[in-house]
Amino acid sequence: MNPWYLLYCKRSEQQRAEQHLKRQGVDCYYPQVSVEKIRRGKRSSILEPLFPNYVFASFDPEKISFTTIRSTRGVVDFVRVGALPQLVPVDLIKNLMVIEDNDDQRERLSEVWKHGDAIAISQGQFEGMEAIYKEADGELRSILMINLLNKQVEVSLENEVLDNK
């Protein structure tokens, strides 16, 4: 099995880099996740890169030179440690592939709540508390209503710390 390397790509050109690398016989992995976004007032599910501007590549350095890979359209350079390209462990690539294919994980990353939904807070200063979902606060946060000292208080929390009740 060929070693895996991490390539840094030009902004928003990971797909182009992946296409050109595959034409050269390089195995590529470009992990993406489905994310719910609000566009023009409507929620839609789109695929976004898990690691923006990065592509994993596996090839035999004796058959394809590092210079050829680095000169591919869309690729800027290898991620390096000193002067040498950094090897990526195969186990890491396999784990990323499992996570990307896991429907439960995909749902977790694209979870969307509606106004009035009961939410449990799983981490942070409000851990273990229940809240009522009010609205989205950008792409990564939500505004919730929490009962503190018999008063409804509005707080903005990261979506990562929220779970369905």
C-alpha atoms as a PDB file:
ATOM      1  CA  MET A   1       0.000   0.000   0.000  1.00  0.00           C
ATOM      2  CA  ASN A   2       1.290   3.445  -0.922  1.00  0.00           C
ATOM      3  CA  PRO A   3       1.892   6.077   1.776  1.00  0.00           C
ATOM      4  CA  TRP A   4      -0.582   8.936   2.269  1.00  0.00           C
ATOM      5  CA  TYR A   5       0.438  12.583   2.163  1.00  0.00           C
ATOM      6  CA  LEU A   6      -1.451  15.787   2.918  1.00  0.00           C
ATOM      7  CA  LEU A   7      -1.527  18.407   0.168  1.00  0.00           C
ATOM      8  CA  TYR A   8      -2.293  22.089   0.657  1.00  0.00           C
ATOM      9  CA  CYS A   9      -4.405  23.424  -2.225  1.00  0.00           C
ATOM     10  CA  LYS A  10      -5.293  26.818  -3.589  1.00  0.00           C
ATOM     11  CA  ARG A  11      -8.409  28.354  -2.078  1.00  0.00           C
ATOM     12  CA  SER A  12     -11.566  26.500  -3.199  1.00  0.00           C
ATOM     13  CA  GLU A  13      -9.629  24.359  -5.705  1.00  0.00           C
ATOM     14  CA  GLN A  14      -9.578  21.049  -3.842  1.00  0.00           C
ATOM     15  CA  GLN A  15     -11.918  19.432  -6.370  1.00  0.00           C
ATOM     16  CA  ARG A  16      -9.830  20.613  -9.317  1.00  0.00           C
ATOM     17  CA  ALA A  17      -6.670  19.316  -7.632  1.00  0.00           C
ATOM     18  CA  GLU A  18      -8.386  15.983  -6.924  1.00  0.00           C
ATOM     19  CA  GLN A  19      -9.504  15.613 -10.568  1.00  0.00           C
ATOM     20  CA  HIS A  20      -6.040  16.364 -11.973  1.00  0.00           C
ATOM     21  CA  LEU A  21      -4.311  14.096  -9.457  1.00  0.00           C
ATOM     22  CA  LYS A  22      -6.637  11.193 -10.308  1.00  0.00           C
ATOM     23  CA  ARG A  23      -5.796  11.659 -14.004  1.00  0.00           C
ATOM     24  CA  GLN A  24      -2.147  11.107 -13.034  1.00  0.00           C
ATOM     25  CA  GLY A  25      -2.980   7.854 -11.235  1.00  0.00           C
ATOM     26  CA  VAL A  26      -2.887   9.252  -7.696  1.00  0.00           C
ATOM     27  CA  ASP A  27      -5.413   8.000  -5.131  1.00  0.00           C
ATOM     28  CA  CYS A  28      -7.076  11.016  -3.520  1.00  0.00           C
ATOM     29  CA  TYR A  29      -9.325  11.498  -0.558  1.00  0.00           C
ATOM     30  CA  TYR A  30     -11.215  14.741  -0.095  1.00  0.00           C
ATOM     31  CA  PRO A  31     -13.492  14.339   2.976  1.00  0.00           C
ATOM     32  CA  GLN A  32     -16.766  16.252   2.872  1.00  0.00           C
ATOM     33  CA  VAL A  33     -19.698  16.570   5.253  1.00  0.00           C
ATOM     34  CA  SER A  34     -23.303  17.535   4.665  1.00  0.00           C
ATOM     35  CA  VAL A  35     -24.154  20.803   6.403  1.00  0.00           C
ATOM     36  CA  GLU A  36     -27.474  22.629   6.710  1.00  0.00           C
ATOM     37  CA  LYS A  37     -27.170  26.291   5.690  1.00  0.00           C
ATOM     38  CA  ILE A  38     -29.581  29.145   5.296  1.00  0.00           C
ATOM     39  CA  ARG A  39     -29.462  30.681   1.826  1.00  0.00           C
ATOM     40  CA  ARG A  40     -31.913  33.339   0.712  1.00  0.00           C
ATOM     41  CA  GLY A  41     -34.049  32.583   3.744  1.00  0.00           C
ATOM     42  CA  LYS A  42     -34.324  28.834   3.023  1.00  0.00           C
ATOM     43  CA  ARG A  43     -32.522  25.942   4.638  1.00  0.00           C
ATOM     44  CA  SER A  44     -30.591  23.711   2.285  1.00  0.00           C
ATOM     45  CA  SER A  45     -28.195  20.815   2.687  1.00  0.00           C
ATOM     46  CA  ILE A  46     -24.829  21.241   0.977  1.00  0.00           C
ATOM     47  CA  LEU A  47     -21.533  19.362   1.008  1.00  0.00           C
ATOM     48  CA  GLU A  48     -18.596  21.223   2.524  1.00  0.00           C
ATOM     49  CA  PRO A  49     -14.981  20.132   2.909  1.00  0.00           C
ATOM     50  CA  LEU A  50     -14.107  18.718   6.305  1.00  0.00           C
ATOM     51  CA  PHE A  51     -10.644  20.293   5.927  1.00  0.00           C
ATOM     52  CA  PRO A  52     -10.892  23.328   3.625  1.00  0.00           C
ATOM     53  CA  ASN A  53      -7.928  23.673   1.227  1.00  0.00           C
ATOM     54  CA  TYR A  54      -6.522  20.202   1.973  1.00  0.00           C
ATOM     55  CA  VAL A  55      -6.548  16.916   0.021  1.00  0.00           C
ATOM     56  CA  PHE A  56      -5.061  13.576   1.065  1.00  0.00           C
ATOM     57  CA  ALA A  57      -3.057  11.818  -1.672  1.00  0.00           C
ATOM     58  CA  SER A  58      -1.619   8.312  -1.877  1.00  0.00           C
ATOM     59  CA  PHE A  59       0.999   7.434  -4.498  1.00  0.00           C
ATOM     60  CA  ASP A  60       4.257   5.577  -5.018  1.00  0.00           C
ATOM     61  CA  PRO A  61       7.073   8.169  -4.803  1.00  0.00           C
ATOM     62  CA  GLU A  62       9.279   5.914  -6.969  1.00  0.00           C
ATOM     63  CA  LYS A  63       6.801   6.103  -9.879  1.00  0.00           C
ATOM     64  CA  ILE A  64       5.432   9.651  -9.488  1.00  0.00           C
ATOM     65  CA  SER A  65       7.763  12.398  -8.311  1.00  0.00           C
ATOM     66  CA  PHE A  66       6.940  14.900  -5.596  1.00  0.00           C
ATOM     67  CA  THR A  67       7.572  17.684  -8.116  1.00  0.00           C
ATOM     68  CA  THR A  68       4.890  16.296 -10.440  1.00  0.00           C
ATOM     69  CA  ILE A  69       2.361  16.277  -7.606  1.00  0.00           C
ATOM     70  CA  ARG A  70       3.361  19.748  -6.452  1.00  0.00           C
ATOM     71  CA  SER A  71       3.018  21.090 -10.011  1.00  0.00           C
ATOM     72  CA  THR A  72      -0.540  19.779 -10.418  1.00  0.00           C
ATOM     73  CA  ARG A  73      -3.223  22.415 -11.026  1.00  0.00           C
ATOM     74  CA  GLY A  74      -4.831  23.474  -7.759  1.00  0.00           C
ATOM     75  CA  VAL A  75      -2.016  22.134  -5.547  1.00  0.00           C
ATOM     76  CA  VAL A  76       0.225  24.588  -3.700  1.00  0.00           C
ATOM     77  CA  ASP A  77       2.545  22.195  -1.845  1.00  0.00           C
ATOM     78  CA  PHE A  78       2.843  19.267   0.516  1.00  0.00           C
ATOM     79  CA  VAL A  79       2.320  19.784   4.227  1.00  0.00           C
ATOM     80  CA  ARG A  80       5.863  19.356   5.483  1.00  0.00           C
ATOM     81  CA  VAL A  81       7.848  18.739   8.622  1.00  0.00           C
ATOM     82  CA  GLY A  82      11.095  20.522   7.916  1.00  0.00           C
ATOM     83  CA  ALA A  83      12.069  19.774   4.314  1.00  0.00           C
ATOM     84  CA  LEU A  84      10.253  16.441   4.026  1.00  0.00           C
ATOM     85  CA  PRO A  85       6.571  15.903   3.187  1.00  0.00           C
ATOM     86  CA  GLN A  86       4.704  14.664   6.257  1.00  0.00           C
ATOM     87  CA  LEU A  87       3.311  11.123   6.042  1.00  0.00           C
ATOM     88  CA  VAL A  88      -0.290  10.669   7.188  1.00  0.00           C
ATOM     89  CA  PRO A  89      -1.056   7.437   9.105  1.00  0.00           C
ATOM     90  CA  VAL A  90      -3.299   5.016   7.173  1.00  0.00           C
ATOM     91  CA  ASP A  91      -5.431   4.522  10.307  1.00  0.00           C
ATOM     92  CA  LEU A  92      -6.297   8.232  10.305  1.00  0.00           C
ATOM     93  CA  ILE A  93      -7.467   8.038   6.677  1.00  0.00           C
ATOM     94  CA  LYS A  94      -9.541   4.924   7.404  1.00  0.00           C
ATOM     95  CA  ASN A  95     -11.149   6.559  10.460  1.00  0.00           C
ATOM     96  CA  LEU A  96     -12.034   9.674   8.447  1.00  0.00           C
ATOM     97  CA  MET A  97     -13.626   7.487   5.767  1.00  0.00           C
ATOM     98  CA  VAL A  98     -15.696   5.649   8.386  1.00  0.00           C
ATOM     99  CA  ILE A  99     -16.859   8.905   9.979  1.00  0.00           C
ATOM    100  CA  GLU A 100     -17.738  10.395   6.583  1.00  0.00           C
ATOM    101  CA  ASP A 101     -19.773   7.303   5.615  1.00  0.00           C
ATOM    102  CA  ASN A 102     -21.544   7.122   8.982  1.00  0.00           C
ATOM    103  CA  ASP A 103     -25.135   8.389   8.570  1.00  0.00           C
ATOM    104  CA  ASP A 104     -25.494   9.098  12.312  1.00  0.00           C
ATOM    105  CA  GLN A 105     -22.414  11.323  12.227  1.00  0.00           C
ATOM    106  CA  ARG A 106     -23.695  13.092   9.107  1.00  0.00           C
ATOM    107  CA  GLU A 107     -27.028  13.762  10.838  1.00  0.00           C
ATOM    108  CA  ARG A 108     -25.215  15.041  13.928  1.00  0.00           C
ATOM    109  CA  LEU A 109     -23.226  17.521  11.861  1.00  0.00           C
ATOM    110  CA  SER A 110     -26.251  18.760   9.933  1.00  0.00           C
ATOM    111  CA  GLU A 111     -28.758  18.731  12.777  1.00  0.00           C
ATOM    112  CA  VAL A 112     -31.380  21.464  12.492  1.00  0.00           C
ATOM    113  CA  TRP A 113     -33.858  22.465  15.166  1.00  0.00           C
ATOM    114  CA  LYS A 114     -37.109  24.372  14.914  1.00  0.00           C
ATOM    115  CA  HIS A 115     -38.408  27.210  17.082  1.00  0.00           C
ATOM    116  CA  GLY A 116     -39.758  25.766  20.345  1.00  0.00           C
ATOM    117  CA  ASP A 117     -37.829  22.444  20.257  1.00  0.00           C
ATOM    118  CA  ALA A 118     -36.622  21.130  23.619  1.00  0.00           C
ATOM    119  CA  ILE A 119     -32.819  20.965  23.671  1.00  0.00           C
ATOM    120  CA  ALA A 120     -30.403  19.392  26.161  1.00  0.00           C
ATOM    121  CA  ILE A 121     -27.048  21.077  26.759  1.00  0.00           C
ATOM    122  CA  SER A 122     -24.283  18.473  26.948  1.00  0.00           C
ATOM    123  CA  GLN A 123     -21.156  20.556  27.655  1.00  0.00           C
ATOM    124  CA  GLY A 124     -19.929  23.828  29.083  1.00  0.00           C
ATOM    125  CA  GLN A 125     -21.202  26.066  31.868  1.00  0.00           C
ATOM    126  CA  PHE A 126     -24.855  25.095  31.238  1.00  0.00           C
ATOM    127  CA  GLU A 127     -24.184  21.333  31.044  1.00  0.00           C
ATOM    128  CA  GLY A 128     -27.164  19.199  32.065  1.00  0.00           C
ATOM    129  CA  MET A 129     -29.665  22.026  31.661  1.00  0.00           C
ATOM    130  CA  GLU A 130     -32.637  22.013  29.342  1.00  0.00           C
ATOM    131  CA  ALA A 131     -33.408  24.866  26.973  1.00  0.00           C
ATOM    132  CA  ILE A 132     -35.888  25.910  24.314  1.00  0.00           C
ATOM    133  CA  TYR A 133     -34.551  26.529  20.815  1.00  0.00           C
ATOM    134  CA  LYS A 134     -35.309  30.034  19.544  1.00  0.00           C
ATOM    135  CA  GLU A 135     -33.306  30.612  16.349  1.00  0.00           C
ATOM    136  CA  ALA A 136     -29.997  30.118  14.551  1.00  0.00           C
ATOM    137  CA  ASP A 137     -27.194  32.532  15.409  1.00  0.00           C
ATOM    138  CA  GLY A 138     -25.053  32.262  12.270  1.00  0.00           C
ATOM    139  CA  GLU A 139     -23.914  28.875  11.018  1.00  0.00           C
ATOM    140  CA  LEU A 140     -22.267  27.452  14.138  1.00  0.00           C
ATOM    141  CA  ARG A 141     -24.322  28.814  17.033  1.00  0.00           C
ATOM    142  CA  SER A 142     -27.934  28.884  18.199  1.00  0.00           C
ATOM    143  CA  ILE A 143     -29.951  31.195  20.432  1.00  0.00           C
ATOM    144  CA  LEU A 144     -31.720  29.348  23.259  1.00  0.00           C
ATOM    145  CA  MET A 145     -34.037  30.286  26.104  1.00  0.00           C
ATOM    146  CA  ILE A 146     -32.816  28.950  29.478  1.00  0.00           C
ATOM    147  CA  ASN A 147     -34.706  29.125  32.765  1.00  0.00           C
ATOM    148  CA  LEU A 148     -32.370  30.727  35.342  1.00  0.00           C
ATOM    149  CA  LEU A 149     -33.787  31.719  38.749  1.00  0.00           C
ATOM    150  CA  ASN A 150     -37.359  31.448  37.409  1.00  0.00           C
ATOM    151  CA  LYS A 151     -36.589  33.862  34.589  1.00  0.00           C
ATOM    152  CA  GLN A 152     -36.236  33.075  30.868  1.00  0.00           C
ATOM    153  CA  VAL A 153     -32.758  34.150  29.734  1.00  0.00           C
ATOM    154  CA  GLU A 154     -31.564  34.217  26.123  1.00  0.00           C
ATOM    155  CA  VAL A 155     -28.131  32.653  25.500  1.00  0.00           C
ATOM    156  CA  SER A 156     -26.113  31.916  22.376  1.00  0.00           C
ATOM    157  CA  LEU A 157     -24.291  28.559  22.398  1.00  0.00           C
ATOM    158  CA  GLU A 158     -22.251  26.538  19.912  1.00  0.00           C
ATOM    159  CA  ASN A 159     -24.292  23.839  18.146  1.00  0.00           C
ATOM    160  CA  GLU A 160     -21.680  21.226  19.156  1.00  0.00           C
ATOM    161  CA  VAL A 161     -22.843  21.345  22.791  1.00  0.00           C
ATOM    162  CA  LEU A 162     -26.539  20.840  21.956  1.00  0.00           C
ATOM    163  CA  ASP A 163     -28.454  17.555  21.797  1.00  0.00           C
ATOM    164  CA  ASN A 164     -32.061  16.650  21.109  1.00  0.00           C
ATOM    165  CA  LYS A 165     -33.938  16.005  24.318  1.00  0.00           C
END
